[in-house]
């Protein structure tokens, strides 16, 4: 399953990771906390972890 790391300020997806299906949001959050090397409180001020969703209207730059 894929998870997104989303900035709370800009709502921009900063990083996407594909983890085992049994990990869940809490496991993905733990992964991102480790990758950012922040404590939980600082992480929660800056980031949200959400399930990956495909865009309904993908950008087709080649058209």
Protein backbone atom coordinates (compact mmCIF):
# COMPACT_ATOMS: atom_id res chain seq x y z
CA UNK A 1 0.00 0.00 0.00
CA UNK A 2 1.23 3.53 -0.75
CA UNK A 3 1.28 6.43 1.70
CA UNK A 4 1.88 10.15 1.18
CA UNK A 5 3.74 12.59 3.39
CA UNK A 6 1.81 15.87 3.08
CA UNK A 7 2.92 19.33 4.21
CA UNK A 8 0.39 20.90 6.59
CA UNK A 9 1.26 24.39 5.36
CA UNK A 10 1.10 23.95 1.58
CA UNK A 11 -0.98 20.71 1.38
CA UNK A 12 1.66 19.50 -1.09
CA UNK A 13 2.63 15.82 -1.29
CA UNK A 14 6.33 15.79 -0.43
CA UNK A 15 7.10 12.06 -0.45
CA UNK A 16 5.32 8.82 -1.35
CA UNK A 17 6.35 5.41 -0.04
CA UNK A 18 5.12 1.89 -0.83
CA UNK A 19 5.03 -0.25 2.33
CA UNK A 20 3.63 -3.68 3.18
CA UNK A 21 -0.16 -3.75 3.35
CA UNK A 22 -0.28 -4.62 7.07
CA UNK A 23 1.72 -1.55 8.14
CA UNK A 24 -1.17 0.94 8.14
CA UNK A 25 -1.08 4.70 8.69
CA UNK A 26 0.67 4.39 12.05
CA UNK A 27 3.48 2.33 10.53
CA UNK A 28 3.85 4.78 7.65
CA UNK A 29 3.94 7.64 10.16
CA UNK A 30 6.71 5.87 12.09
CA UNK A 31 8.63 5.39 8.84
CA UNK A 32 8.35 9.09 7.92
CA UNK A 33 9.30 10.24 11.45
CA UNK A 34 12.45 8.15 11.16
CA UNK A 35 13.26 9.47 7.69
CA UNK A 36 12.82 13.11 8.78
CA UNK A 37 14.73 12.54 12.06
CA UNK A 38 12.24 14.56 14.10
CA UNK A 39 10.46 13.82 17.35
CA UNK A 40 6.72 13.11 17.16
CA UNK A 41 5.58 16.56 18.31
CA UNK A 42 7.70 18.41 15.75
CA UNK A 43 6.66 15.98 13.02
CA UNK A 44 2.96 16.49 13.81
CA UNK A 45 3.35 20.28 13.53
CA UNK A 46 4.73 20.01 10.00
CA UNK A 47 3.38 16.88 8.31
CA UNK A 48 0.32 14.66 7.75
CA UNK A 49 0.45 11.05 6.59
CA UNK A 50 -2.35 10.01 4.24
CA UNK A 51 -3.25 7.10 2.01
CA UNK A 52 -2.06 7.50 -1.58
CA UNK A 53 -4.82 8.45 -4.01
CA UNK A 54 -4.52 8.62 -7.78
CA UNK A 55 -5.48 11.96 -9.23
CA UNK A 56 -8.84 11.99 -11.02
CA UNK A 57 -7.46 14.43 -13.59
CA UNK A 58 -3.80 13.59 -14.16
CA UNK A 59 -1.69 16.16 -15.94
CA UNK A 60 -1.06 15.14 -19.53
CA UNK A 61 1.91 17.34 -20.36
CA UNK A 62 2.53 15.59 -23.69
CA UNK A 63 -0.81 16.67 -25.17
